[in-house]
Amino acid sequence: MTTLTDRRNETRVNVRIPLKFKLIGNQSAGEQMAESENLSQRGIFMWTAYPLKIGVQVELKLRMPSEISGLAASEVQCTARVIRLQETDSALLGVGLRIERYHATAERERWAS
């Protein structure tokens, strides 16, 4: 039987970094906060208090560590899709995201608060 771990092609790095995300197509939700548990070039597992659903597309902003990019840590903006949810007894929801595309952002590029 193939497990989720077996299907991953990229190395995951266990790193906790703060993330900001917005739901694509739902401007009224505003910017939300999360924290990563691990990252790869094509995926992120994060914890958030915001209720997400499988299939939802989000725009993420994070500082990509050098262990993932092979370059100096840099600010990136990603478009990702929720592919897995992990409910817990706490108020936080575990969310598996598949990164669909990303690019480096200039330090001066900021989301309006």
PDB file of N, CA and C in Angstrom:
ATOM      1  N   MET A   1       0.840  -1.184   0.000  1.00  0.00           N
ATOM      2  CA  MET A   1       0.000   0.000   0.000  1.00  0.00           C
ATOM      3  C   MET A   1       0.883   1.244   0.000  1.00  0.00           C
ATOM      4  N   THR A   2       0.584   2.192  -0.856  1.00  0.00           N
ATOM      5  CA  THR A   2       1.339   3.433  -0.938  1.00  0.00           C
ATOM      6  C   THR A   2       0.813   4.415   0.092  1.00  0.00           C
ATOM      7  N   THR A   3       1.709   4.969   0.880  1.00  0.00           N
ATOM      8  CA  THR A   3       1.306   5.961   1.876  1.00  0.00           C
ATOM      9  C   THR A   3       1.613   7.349   1.361  1.00  0.00           C
ATOM     10  N   LEU A   4       1.077   8.345   2.046  1.00  0.00           N
ATOM     11  CA  LEU A   4       1.326   9.730   1.667  1.00  0.00           C
ATOM     12  C   LEU A   4       2.823  10.010   1.656  1.00  0.00           C
ATOM     13  N   THR A   5       3.542   9.490   2.644  1.00  0.00           N
ATOM     14  CA  THR A   5       4.980   9.713   2.725  1.00  0.00           C
ATOM     15  C   THR A   5       5.687   9.128   1.510  1.00  0.00           C
ATOM     16  N   ASP A   6       5.247   7.952   1.035  1.00  0.00           N
ATOM     17  CA  ASP A   6       5.876   7.311  -0.111  1.00  0.00           C
ATOM     18  C   ASP A   6       5.704   8.116  -1.390  1.00  0.00           C
ATOM     19  N   ARG A   7       4.621   8.864  -1.507  1.00  0.00           N
ATOM     20  CA  ARG A   7       4.327   9.605  -2.729  1.00  0.00           C
ATOM     21  C   ARG A   7       5.081  10.923  -2.818  1.00  0.00           C
ATOM     22  N   ARG A   8       5.678  11.374  -1.748  1.00  0.00           N
ATOM     23  CA  ARG A   8       6.396  12.650  -1.769  1.00  0.00           C
ATOM     24  C   ARG A   8       7.717  12.489  -2.506  1.00  0.00           C
ATOM     25  N   ASN A   9       7.981  13.405  -3.424  1.00  0.00           N
ATOM     26  CA  ASN A   9       9.220  13.360  -4.195  1.00  0.00           C
ATOM     27  C   ASN A   9      10.265  14.308  -3.630  1.00  0.00           C
ATOM     28  N   GLU A  10       9.855  15.352  -2.984  1.00  0.00           N
ATOM     29  CA  GLU A  10      10.774  16.352  -2.473  1.00  0.00           C
ATOM     30  C   GLU A  10      11.077  16.109  -1.002  1.00  0.00           C
ATOM     31  N   THR A  11      12.250  16.514  -0.596  1.00  0.00           N
ATOM     32  CA  THR A  11      12.636  16.423   0.799  1.00  0.00           C
ATOM     33  C   THR A  11      11.865  17.455   1.605  1.00  0.00           C
ATOM     34  N   ARG A  12      11.277  17.022   2.691  1.00  0.00           N
ATOM     35  CA  ARG A  12      10.582  17.939   3.592  1.00  0.00           C
ATOM     36  C   ARG A  12      11.532  18.354   4.696  1.00  0.00           C
ATOM     37  N   VAL A  13      11.463  19.636   5.037  1.00  0.00           N
ATOM     38  CA  VAL A  13      12.277  20.188   6.107  1.00  0.00           C
ATOM     39  C   VAL A  13      11.336  20.577   7.235  1.00  0.00           C
ATOM     40  N   ASN A  14      11.577  20.033   8.424  1.00  0.00           N
ATOM     41  CA  ASN A  14      10.775  20.402   9.584  1.00  0.00           C
ATOM     42  C   ASN A  14      11.226  21.771  10.066  1.00  0.00           C
ATOM     43  N   VAL A  15      10.380  22.751   9.836  1.00  0.00           N
ATOM     44  CA  VAL A  15      10.718  24.122  10.220  1.00  0.00           C
ATOM     45  C   VAL A  15       9.424  24.865  10.560  1.00  0.00           C
ATOM     46  N   ARG A  16       9.448  25.531  11.692  1.00  0.00           N
ATOM     47  CA  ARG A  16       8.286  26.311  12.121  1.00  0.00           C
ATOM     48  C   ARG A  16       8.551  27.779  11.807  1.00  0.00           C
ATOM     49  N   ILE A  17       7.781  28.276  10.843  1.00  0.00           N
ATOM     50  CA  ILE A  17       7.886  29.691  10.479  1.00  0.00           C
ATOM     51  C   ILE A  17       6.476  30.271  10.379  1.00  0.00           C
ATOM     52  N   PRO A  18       6.333  31.550  10.703  1.00  0.00           N
ATOM     53  CA  PRO A  18       5.014  32.176  10.567  1.00  0.00           C
ATOM     54  C   PRO A  18       4.651  32.361   9.104  1.00  0.00           C
ATOM     55  N   LEU A  19       3.363  32.182   8.806  1.00  0.00           N
ATOM     56  CA  LEU A  19       2.849  32.341   7.450  1.00  0.00           C
ATOM     57  C   LEU A  19       1.672  33.298   7.475  1.00  0.00           C
ATOM     58  N   LYS A  20       1.467  33.976   6.383  1.00  0.00           N
ATOM     59  CA  LYS A  20       0.261  34.781   6.175  1.00  0.00           C
ATOM     60  C   LYS A  20      -0.412  34.217   4.937  1.00  0.00           C
ATOM     61  N   PHE A  21      -1.734  34.119   4.966  1.00  0.00           N
ATOM     62  CA  PHE A  21      -2.425  33.636   3.779  1.00  0.00           C
ATOM     63  C   PHE A  21      -3.752  34.342   3.598  1.00  0.00           C
ATOM     64  N   LYS A  22      -4.192  34.351   2.332  1.00  0.00           N
ATOM     65  CA  LYS A  22      -5.495  34.893   1.940  1.00  0.00           C
ATOM     66  C   LYS A  22      -6.193  33.844   1.098  1.00  0.00           C
ATOM     67  N   LEU A  23      -7.501  33.771   1.228  1.00  0.00           N
ATOM     68  CA  LEU A  23      -8.285  32.890   0.368  1.00  0.00           C
ATOM     69  C   LEU A  23      -8.433  33.557  -0.991  1.00  0.00           C
ATOM     70  N   ILE A  24      -8.169  32.830  -2.046  1.00  0.00           N
ATOM     71  CA  ILE A  24      -8.331  33.379  -3.391  1.00  0.00           C
ATOM     72  C   ILE A  24      -9.817  33.377  -3.713  1.00  0.00           C
ATOM     73  N   GLY A  25     -10.307  34.525  -4.143  1.00  0.00           N
ATOM     74  CA  GLY A  25     -11.715  34.653  -4.493  1.00  0.00           C
ATOM     75  C   GLY A  25     -12.619  34.998  -3.322  1.00  0.00           C
ATOM     76  N   ASN A  26     -12.053  35.273  -2.156  1.00  0.00           N
ATOM     77  CA  ASN A  26     -12.859  35.642  -0.992  1.00  0.00           C
ATOM     78  C   ASN A  26     -12.155  36.772  -0.251  1.00  0.00           C
ATOM     79  N   GLN A  27     -12.255  37.968  -0.774  1.00  0.00           N
ATOM     80  CA  GLN A  27     -11.584  39.122  -0.188  1.00  0.00           C
ATOM     81  C   GLN A  27     -12.114  39.481   1.191  1.00  0.00           C
ATOM     82  N   SER A  28     -13.363  39.112   1.486  1.00  0.00           N
ATOM     83  CA  SER A  28     -13.950  39.472   2.780  1.00  0.00           C
ATOM     84  C   SER A  28     -13.299  38.722   3.937  1.00  0.00           C
ATOM     85  N   ALA A  29     -12.632  37.597   3.671  1.00  0.00           N
ATOM     86  CA  ALA A  29     -11.985  36.824   4.736  1.00  0.00           C
ATOM     87  C   ALA A  29     -10.749  37.527   5.276  1.00  0.00           C
ATOM     88  N   GLY A  30     -10.123  38.357   4.473  1.00  0.00           N
ATOM     89  CA  GLY A  30      -8.930  39.077   4.911  1.00  0.00           C
ATOM     90  C   GLY A  30      -7.728  38.164   5.086  1.00  0.00           C
ATOM     91  N   GLU A  31      -6.657  38.751   5.592  1.00  0.00           N
ATOM     92  CA  GLU A  31      -5.416  38.015   5.798  1.00  0.00           C
ATOM     93  C   GLU A  31      -5.507  37.165   7.058  1.00  0.00           C
ATOM     94  N   GLN A  32      -5.036  35.933   6.980  1.00  0.00           N
ATOM     95  CA  GLN A  32      -5.059  34.997   8.098  1.00  0.00           C
ATOM     96  C   GLN A  32      -3.627  34.616   8.470  1.00  0.00           C
ATOM     97  N   MET A  33      -3.465  34.096   9.686  1.00  0.00           N
ATOM     98  CA  MET A  33      -2.146  33.701  10.174  1.00  0.00           C
ATOM     99  C   MET A  33      -2.080  32.189  10.337  1.00  0.00           C
ATOM    100  N   ALA A  34      -0.883  31.645  10.192  1.00  0.00           N
ATOM    101  CA  ALA A  34      -0.646  30.218  10.374  1.00  0.00           C
ATOM    102  C   ALA A  34       0.825  30.032  10.744  1.00  0.00           C
ATOM    103  N   GLU A  35       1.175  28.789  11.065  1.00  0.00           N
ATOM    104  CA  GLU A  35       2.574  28.440  11.326  1.00  0.00           C
ATOM    105  C   GLU A  35       2.860  27.124  10.625  1.00  0.00           C
ATOM    106  N   SER A  36       3.978  27.067   9.928  1.00  0.00           N
ATOM    107  CA  SER A  36       4.331  25.836   9.228  1.00  0.00           C
ATOM    108  C   SER A  36       4.835  24.790  10.210  1.00  0.00           C
ATOM    109  N   GLU A  37       4.678  23.541   9.824  1.00  0.00           N
ATOM    110  CA  GLU A  37       5.308  22.432  10.556  1.00  0.00           C
ATOM    111  C   GLU A  37       6.450  21.882   9.718  1.00  0.00           C
ATOM    112  N   ASN A  38       6.198  21.777   8.395  1.00  0.00           N
ATOM    113  CA  ASN A  38       7.257  21.359   7.490  1.00  0.00           C
ATOM    114  C   ASN A  38       6.983  21.919   6.098  1.00  0.00           C
ATOM    115  N   LEU A  39       8.063  21.974   5.307  1.00  0.00           N
ATOM    116  CA  LEU A  39       8.004  22.552   3.963  1.00  0.00           C
ATOM    117  C   LEU A  39       8.800  21.700   2.990  1.00  0.00           C
ATOM    118  N   SER A  40       8.383  21.724   1.737  1.00  0.00           N
ATOM    119  CA  SER A  40       9.185  21.201   0.635  1.00  0.00           C
ATOM    120  C   SER A  40       9.009  22.185  -0.520  1.00  0.00           C
ATOM    121  N   GLN A  41       9.638  21.920  -1.646  1.00  0.00           N
ATOM    122  CA  GLN A  41       9.473  22.827  -2.781  1.00  0.00           C
ATOM    123  C   GLN A  41       8.058  22.812  -3.324  1.00  0.00           C
ATOM    124  N   ARG A  42       7.322  21.735  -3.114  1.00  0.00           N
ATOM    125  CA  ARG A  42       5.975  21.634  -3.677  1.00  0.00           C
ATOM    126  C   ARG A  42       4.870  21.527  -2.638  1.00  0.00           C
ATOM    127  N   GLY A  43       5.198  21.614  -1.344  1.00  0.00           N
ATOM    128  CA  GLY A  43       4.151  21.476  -0.351  1.00  0.00           C
ATOM    129  C   GLY A  43       4.482  22.079   1.001  1.00  0.00           C
ATOM    130  N   ILE A  44       3.427  22.329   1.754  1.00  0.00           N
ATOM    131  CA  ILE A  44       3.550  22.899   3.098  1.00  0.00           C
ATOM    132  C   ILE A  44       2.515  22.210   3.976  1.00  0.00           C
ATOM    133  N   PHE A  45       2.921  21.904   5.202  1.00  0.00           N
ATOM    134  CA  PHE A  45       1.943  21.497   6.204  1.00  0.00           C
ATOM    135  C   PHE A  45       1.957  22.588   7.251  1.00  0.00           C
ATOM    136  N   MET A  46       0.771  23.147   7.559  1.00  0.00           N
ATOM    137  CA  MET A  46       0.691  24.278   8.475  1.00  0.00           C
ATOM    138  C   MET A  46      -0.436  24.080   9.479  1.00  0.00           C
ATOM    139  N   TRP A  47      -0.400  24.876  10.525  1.00  0.00           N
ATOM    140  CA  TRP A  47      -1.436  24.905  11.561  1.00  0.00           C
ATOM    141  C   TRP A  47      -2.069  26.286  11.569  1.00  0.00           C
ATOM    142  N   THR A  48      -3.398  26.329  11.586  1.00  0.00           N
ATOM    143  CA  THR A  48      -4.114  27.602  11.599  1.00  0.00           C
ATOM    144  C   THR A  48      -5.418  27.452  12.382  1.00  0.00           C
ATOM    145  N   ALA A  49      -5.914  28.553  12.881  1.00  0.00           N
ATOM    146  CA  ALA A  49      -7.213  28.561  13.554  1.00  0.00           C
ATOM    147  C   ALA A  49      -8.334  28.842  12.557  1.00  0.00           C
ATOM    148  N   TYR A  50      -7.976  29.218  11.332  1.00  0.00           N
ATOM    149  CA  TYR A  50      -8.980  29.552  10.322  1.00  0.00           C
ATOM    150  C   TYR A  50      -9.536  28.272   9.696  1.00  0.00           C
ATOM    151  N   PRO A  51     -10.858  28.122   9.597  1.00  0.00           N
ATOM    152  CA  PRO A  51     -11.441  26.898   9.034  1.00  0.00           C
ATOM    153  C   PRO A  51     -11.316  26.855   7.505  1.00  0.00           C
ATOM    154  N   LEU A  52     -10.515  25.938   7.005  1.00  0.00           N
ATOM    155  CA  LEU A  52     -10.341  25.764   5.561  1.00  0.00           C
ATOM    156  C   LEU A  52     -11.001  24.459   5.121  1.00  0.00           C
ATOM    157  N   LYS A  53     -11.216  24.335   3.814  1.00  0.00           N
ATOM    158  CA  LYS A  53     -11.818  23.134   3.240  1.00  0.00           C
ATOM    159  C   LYS A  53     -10.925  22.605   2.128  1.00  0.00           C
ATOM    160  N   ILE A  54     -10.980  21.317   1.898  1.00  0.00           N
ATOM    161  CA  ILE A  54     -10.207  20.700   0.822  1.00  0.00           C
ATOM    162  C   ILE A  54     -10.636  21.314  -0.514  1.00  0.00           C
ATOM    163  N   GLY A  55      -9.633  21.617  -1.336  1.00  0.00           N
ATOM    164  CA  GLY A  55      -9.883  22.189  -2.657  1.00  0.00           C
ATOM    165  C   GLY A  55      -9.764  23.697  -2.712  1.00  0.00           C
ATOM    166  N   VAL A  56      -9.802  24.358  -1.562  1.00  0.00           N
ATOM    167  CA  VAL A  56      -9.707  25.820  -1.515  1.00  0.00           C
ATOM    168  C   VAL A  56      -8.311  26.257  -1.941  1.00  0.00           C
ATOM    169  N   GLN A  57      -8.254  27.324  -2.719  1.00  0.00           N
ATOM    170  CA  GLN A  57      -6.984  27.893  -3.151  1.00  0.00           C
ATOM    171  C   GLN A  57      -6.642  29.076  -2.263  1.00  0.00           C
ATOM    172  N   VAL A  58      -5.359  29.153  -1.850  1.00  0.00           N
ATOM    173  CA  VAL A  58      -4.901  30.252  -1.008  1.00  0.00           C
ATOM    174  C   VAL A  58      -3.647  30.866  -1.604  1.00  0.00           C
ATOM    175  N   GLU A  59      -3.432  32.112  -1.233  1.00  0.00           N
ATOM    176  CA  GLU A  59      -2.204  32.812  -1.571  1.00  0.00           C
ATOM    177  C   GLU A  59      -1.431  32.964  -0.266  1.00  0.00           C
ATOM    178  N   LEU A  60      -0.216  32.448  -0.236  1.00  0.00           N
ATOM    179  CA  LEU A  60       0.621  32.457   0.965  1.00  0.00           C
ATOM    180  C   LEU A  60       1.777  33.417   0.806  1.00  0.00           C
ATOM    181  N   LYS A  61       2.205  33.957   1.917  1.00  0.00           N
ATOM    182  CA  LYS A  61       3.410  34.770   1.945  1.00  0.00           C
ATOM    183  C   LYS A  61       4.266  34.231   3.079  1.00  0.00           C
ATOM    184  N   LEU A  62       5.514  33.899   2.762  1.00  0.00           N
ATOM    185  CA  LEU A  62       6.407  33.334   3.772  1.00  0.00           C
ATOM    186  C   LEU A  62       7.858  33.593   3.426  1.00  0.00           C
ATOM    187  N   ARG A  63       8.718  33.356   4.398  1.00  0.00           N
ATOM    188  CA  ARG A  63      10.158  33.458   4.184  1.00  0.00           C
ATOM    189  C   ARG A  63      10.658  32.041   3.931  1.00  0.00           C
ATOM    190  N   MET A  64      11.007  31.744   2.672  1.00  0.00           N
ATOM    191  CA  MET A  64      11.447  30.403   2.285  1.00  0.00           C
ATOM    192  C   MET A  64      12.868  30.175   2.789  1.00  0.00           C
ATOM    193  N   PRO A  65      13.057  29.146   3.641  1.00  0.00           N
ATOM    194  CA  PRO A  65      14.394  28.886   4.181  1.00  0.00           C
ATOM    195  C   PRO A  65      15.353  28.367   3.110  1.00  0.00           C
ATOM    196  N   SER A  66      16.641  28.585   3.328  1.00  0.00           N
ATOM    197  CA  SER A  66      17.657  28.174   2.359  1.00  0.00           C
ATOM    198  C   SER A  66      17.697  26.659   2.178  1.00  0.00           C
ATOM    199  N   GLU A  67      17.276  25.879   3.178  1.00  0.00           N
ATOM    200  CA  GLU A  67      17.263  24.422   3.056  1.00  0.00           C
ATOM    201  C   GLU A  67      16.327  23.950   1.940  1.00  0.00           C
ATOM    202  N   ILE A  68      15.320  24.752   1.610  1.00  0.00           N
ATOM    203  CA  ILE A  68      14.364  24.399   0.565  1.00  0.00           C
ATOM    204  C   ILE A  68      14.813  24.935  -0.788  1.00  0.00           C
ATOM    205  N   SER A  69      15.172  26.223  -0.824  1.00  0.00           N
ATOM    206  CA  SER A  69      15.470  26.866  -2.108  1.00  0.00           C
ATOM    207  C   SER A  69      16.905  26.653  -2.574  1.00  0.00           C
ATOM    208  N   GLY A  70      17.809  26.345  -1.647  1.00  0.00           N
ATOM    209  CA  GLY A  70      19.214  26.229  -2.021  1.00  0.00           C
ATOM    210  C   GLY A  70      19.889  27.585  -2.130  1.00  0.00           C
ATOM    211  N   LEU A  71      19.138  28.648  -1.891  1.00  0.00           N
ATOM    212  CA  LEU A  71      19.657  30.018  -1.938  1.00  0.00           C
ATOM    213  C   LEU A  71      19.482  30.644  -0.558  1.00  0.00           C
ATOM    214  N   ALA A  72      19.876  31.895  -0.424  1.00  0.00           N
ATOM    215  CA  ALA A  72      19.640  32.597   0.834  1.00  0.00           C
ATOM    216  C   ALA A  72      18.137  32.679   1.095  1.00  0.00           C
ATOM    217  N   ALA A  73      17.742  32.646   2.360  1.00  0.00           N
ATOM    218  CA  ALA A  73      16.320  32.746   2.713  1.00  0.00           C
ATOM    219  C   ALA A  73      15.729  33.983   2.047  1.00  0.00           C
ATOM    220  N   SER A  74      14.544  33.816   1.459  1.00  0.00           N
ATOM    221  CA  SER A  74      13.933  34.937   0.758  1.00  0.00           C
ATOM    222  C   SER A  74      12.430  34.918   0.931  1.00  0.00           C
ATOM    223  N   GLU A  75      11.833  36.090   0.804  1.00  0.00           N
ATOM    224  CA  GLU A  75      10.384  36.238   0.888  1.00  0.00           C
ATOM    225  C   GLU A  75       9.771  35.724  -0.413  1.00  0.00           C
ATOM    226  N   VAL A  76       8.788  34.827  -0.307  1.00  0.00           N
ATOM    227  CA  VAL A  76       8.118  34.305  -1.490  1.00  0.00           C
ATOM    228  C   VAL A  76       6.612  34.413  -1.333  1.00  0.00           C
ATOM    229  N   GLN A  77       5.948  34.469  -2.447  1.00  0.00           N
ATOM    230  CA  GLN A  77       4.487  34.463  -2.497  1.00  0.00           C
ATOM    231  C   GLN A  77       4.100  33.216  -3.280  1.00  0.00           C
ATOM    232  N   CYS A  78       3.210  32.404  -2.713  1.00  0.00           N
ATOM    233  CA  CYS A  78       2.812  31.131  -3.324  1.00  0.00           C
ATOM    234  C   CYS A  78       1.314  31.088  -3.546  1.00  0.00           C
ATOM    235  N   THR A  79       0.918  30.390  -4.582  1.00  0.00           N
ATOM    236  CA  THR A  79      -0.466  29.978  -4.745  1.00  0.00           C
ATOM    237  C   THR A  79      -0.482  28.494  -4.436  1.00  0.00           C
ATOM    238  N   ALA A  80      -1.362  28.083  -3.525  1.00  0.00           N
ATOM    239  CA  ALA A  80      -1.410  26.688  -3.105  1.00  0.00           C
ATOM    240  C   ALA A  80      -2.863  26.246  -2.955  1.00  0.00           C
ATOM    241  N   ARG A  81      -3.057  24.927  -2.965  1.00  0.00           N
ATOM    242  CA  ARG A  81      -4.389  24.348  -2.825  1.00  0.00           C
ATOM    243  C   ARG A  81      -4.399  23.417  -1.617  1.00  0.00           C
ATOM    244  N   VAL A  82      -5.471  23.486  -0.831  1.00  0.00           N
ATOM    245  CA  VAL A  82      -5.636  22.609   0.326  1.00  0.00           C
ATOM    246  C   VAL A  82      -5.922  21.195  -0.183  1.00  0.00           C
ATOM    247  N   ILE A  83      -5.064  20.238   0.224  1.00  0.00           N
ATOM    248  CA  ILE A  83      -5.255  18.854  -0.213  1.00  0.00           C
ATOM    249  C   ILE A  83      -5.500  17.900   0.955  1.00  0.00           C
ATOM    250  N   ARG A  84      -5.275  18.371   2.190  1.00  0.00           N
ATOM    251  CA  ARG A  84      -5.466  17.500   3.349  1.00  0.00           C
ATOM    252  C   ARG A  84      -5.779  18.336   4.575  1.00  0.00           C
ATOM    253  N   LEU A  85      -6.669  17.828   5.420  1.00  0.00           N
ATOM    254  CA  LEU A  85      -6.996  18.479   6.687  1.00  0.00           C
ATOM    255  C   LEU A  85      -6.777  17.488   7.816  1.00  0.00           C
ATOM    256  N   GLN A  86      -6.264  17.988   8.932  1.00  0.00           N
ATOM    257  CA  GLN A  86      -6.055  17.157  10.114  1.00  0.00           C
ATOM    258  C   GLN A  86      -6.670  17.877  11.307  1.00  0.00           C
ATOM    259  N   GLU A  87      -7.806  17.398  11.760  1.00  0.00           N
ATOM    260  CA  GLU A  87      -8.460  18.009  12.905  1.00  0.00           C
ATOM    261  C   GLU A  87      -7.815  17.506  14.186  1.00  0.00           C
ATOM    262  N   THR A  88      -7.820  18.357  15.202  1.00  0.00           N
ATOM    263  CA  THR A  88      -7.240  18.015  16.500  1.00  0.00           C
ATOM    264  C   THR A  88      -8.222  18.399  17.595  1.00  0.00           C
ATOM    265  N   ASP A  89      -7.864  18.086  18.818  1.00  0.00           N
ATOM    266  CA  ASP A  89      -8.679  18.477  19.965  1.00  0.00           C
ATOM    267  C   ASP A  89      -8.509  19.960  20.295  1.00  0.00           C
ATOM    268  N   SER A  90      -7.469  20.579  19.756  1.00  0.00           N
ATOM    269  CA  SER A  90      -7.233  22.001  20.017  1.00  0.00           C
ATOM    270  C   SER A  90      -8.016  22.855  19.021  1.00  0.00           C
ATOM    271  N   ALA A  91      -7.865  24.145  19.129  1.00  0.00           N
ATOM    272  CA  ALA A  91      -8.549  25.076  18.226  1.00  0.00           C
ATOM    273  C   ALA A  91      -7.859  25.151  16.861  1.00  0.00           C
ATOM    274  N   LEU A  92      -6.697  24.505  16.728  1.00  0.00           N
ATOM    275  CA  LEU A  92      -5.944  24.588  15.479  1.00  0.00           C
ATOM    276  C   LEU A  92      -6.287  23.445  14.530  1.00  0.00           C
ATOM    277  N   LEU A  93      -6.206  23.742  13.247  1.00  0.00           N
ATOM    278  CA  LEU A  93      -6.461  22.787  12.179  1.00  0.00           C
ATOM    279  C   LEU A  93      -5.152  22.561  11.432  1.00  0.00           C
ATOM    280  N   GLY A  94      -4.783  21.308  11.220  1.00  0.00           N
ATOM    281  CA  GLY A  94      -3.619  20.984  10.403  1.00  0.00           C
ATOM    282  C   GLY A  94      -4.027  20.988   8.943  1.00  0.00           C
ATOM    283  N   VAL A  95      -3.240  21.653   8.094  1.00  0.00           N
ATOM    284  CA  VAL A  95      -3.604  21.817   6.689  1.00  0.00           C
ATOM    285  C   VAL A  95      -2.420  21.437   5.799  1.00  0.00           C
ATOM    286  N   GLY A  96      -2.652  20.479   4.908  1.00  0.00           N
ATOM    287  CA  GLY A  96      -1.662  20.113   3.901  1.00  0.00           C
ATOM    288  C   GLY A  96      -1.953  20.888   2.631  1.00  0.00           C
ATOM    289  N   LEU A  97      -0.952  21.572   2.115  1.00  0.00           N
ATOM    290  CA  LEU A  97      -1.099  22.398   0.914  1.00  0.00           C
ATOM    291  C   LEU A  97      -0.147  21.922  -0.176  1.00  0.00           C
ATOM    292  N   ARG A  98      -0.629  21.880  -1.399  1.00  0.00           N
ATOM    293  CA  ARG A  98       0.219  21.621  -2.554  1.00  0.00           C
ATOM    294  C   ARG A  98       0.490  22.961  -3.228  1.00  0.00           C
ATOM    295  N   ILE A  99       1.747  23.320  -3.342  1.00  0.00           N
ATOM    296  CA  ILE A  99       2.112  24.589  -3.982  1.00  0.00           C
ATOM    297  C   ILE A  99       1.951  24.434  -5.494  1.00  0.00           C
ATOM    298  N   GLU A 100       1.164  25.337  -6.072  1.00  0.00           N
ATOM    299  CA  GLU A 100       0.938  25.305  -7.515  1.00  0.00           C
ATOM    300  C   GLU A 100       1.893  26.223  -8.257  1.00  0.00           C
ATOM    301  N   ARG A 101       2.250  27.329  -7.649  1.00  0.00           N
ATOM    302  CA  ARG A 101       3.270  28.231  -8.220  1.00  0.00           C
ATOM    303  C   ARG A 101       3.745  29.195  -7.145  1.00  0.00           C
ATOM    304  N   TYR A 102       4.966  29.680  -7.324  1.00  0.00           N
ATOM    305  CA  TYR A 102       5.494  30.669  -6.390  1.00  0.00           C
ATOM    306  C   TYR A 102       6.554  31.521  -7.069  1.00  0.00           C
ATOM    307  N   HIS A 103       6.778  32.686  -6.471  1.00  0.00           N
ATOM    308  CA  HIS A 103       7.822  33.566  -6.962  1.00  0.00           C
ATOM    309  C   HIS A 103       8.343  34.415  -5.813  1.00  0.00           C
ATOM    310  N   ALA A 104       9.587  34.860  -5.958  1.00  0.00           N
ATOM    311  CA  ALA A 104      10.186  35.733  -4.949  1.00  0.00           C
ATOM    312  C   ALA A 104       9.519  37.095  -5.027  1.00  0.00           C
ATOM    313  N   THR A 105       9.340  37.724  -3.887  1.00  0.00           N
ATOM    314  CA  THR A 105       8.757  39.067  -3.855  1.00  0.00           C
ATOM    315  C   THR A 105       9.811  40.051  -3.388  1.00  0.00           C
ATOM    316  N   ALA A 106       9.702  41.256  -3.865  1.00  0.00           N
ATOM    317  CA  ALA A 106      10.602  42.312  -3.427  1.00  0.00           C
ATOM    318  C   ALA A 106      10.276  42.666  -1.983  1.00  0.00           C
ATOM    319  N   GLU A 107      11.275  43.033  -1.222  1.00  0.00           N
ATOM    320  CA  GLU A 107      11.056  43.387   0.182  1.00  0.00           C
ATOM    321  C   GLU A 107      10.035  44.508   0.335  1.00  0.00           C
ATOM    322  N   ARG A 108       9.942  45.381  -0.653  1.00  0.00           N
ATOM    323  CA  ARG A 108       9.009  46.509  -0.556  1.00  0.00           C
ATOM    324  C   ARG A 108       7.571  46.094  -0.873  1.00  0.00           C
ATOM    325  N   GLU A 109       7.387  44.890  -1.474  1.00  0.00           N
ATOM    326  CA  GLU A 109       6.051  44.404  -1.829  1.00  0.00           C
ATOM    327  C   GLU A 109       5.369  43.884  -0.570  1.00  0.00           C
ATOM    328  N   ARG A 110       4.351  44.536  -0.117  1.00  0.00           N
ATOM    329  CA  ARG A 110       3.640  44.123   1.103  1.00  0.00           C
ATOM    330  C   ARG A 110       2.150  44.112   0.831  1.00  0.00           C
ATOM    331  N   TRP A 111       1.431  43.231   1.528  1.00  0.00           N
ATOM    332  CA  TRP A 111      -0.025  43.256   1.453  1.00  0.00           C
ATOM    333  C   TRP A 111      -0.520  44.384   2.320  1.00  0.00           C
ATOM    334  N   ALA A 112      -1.582  45.022   1.886  1.00  0.00           N
ATOM    335  CA  ALA A 112      -2.181  46.069   2.696  1.00  0.00           C
ATOM    336  C   ALA A 112      -2.820  45.444   3.925  1.00  0.00           C
ATOM    337  N   SER A 113      -2.667  46.081   5.057  1.00  0.00           N
ATOM    338  CA  SER A 113      -3.239  45.546   6.305  1.00  0.00           C
ATOM    339  C   SER A 113      -4.663  45.976   6.473  1.00  0.00           C
TER     340      SER A 113
END
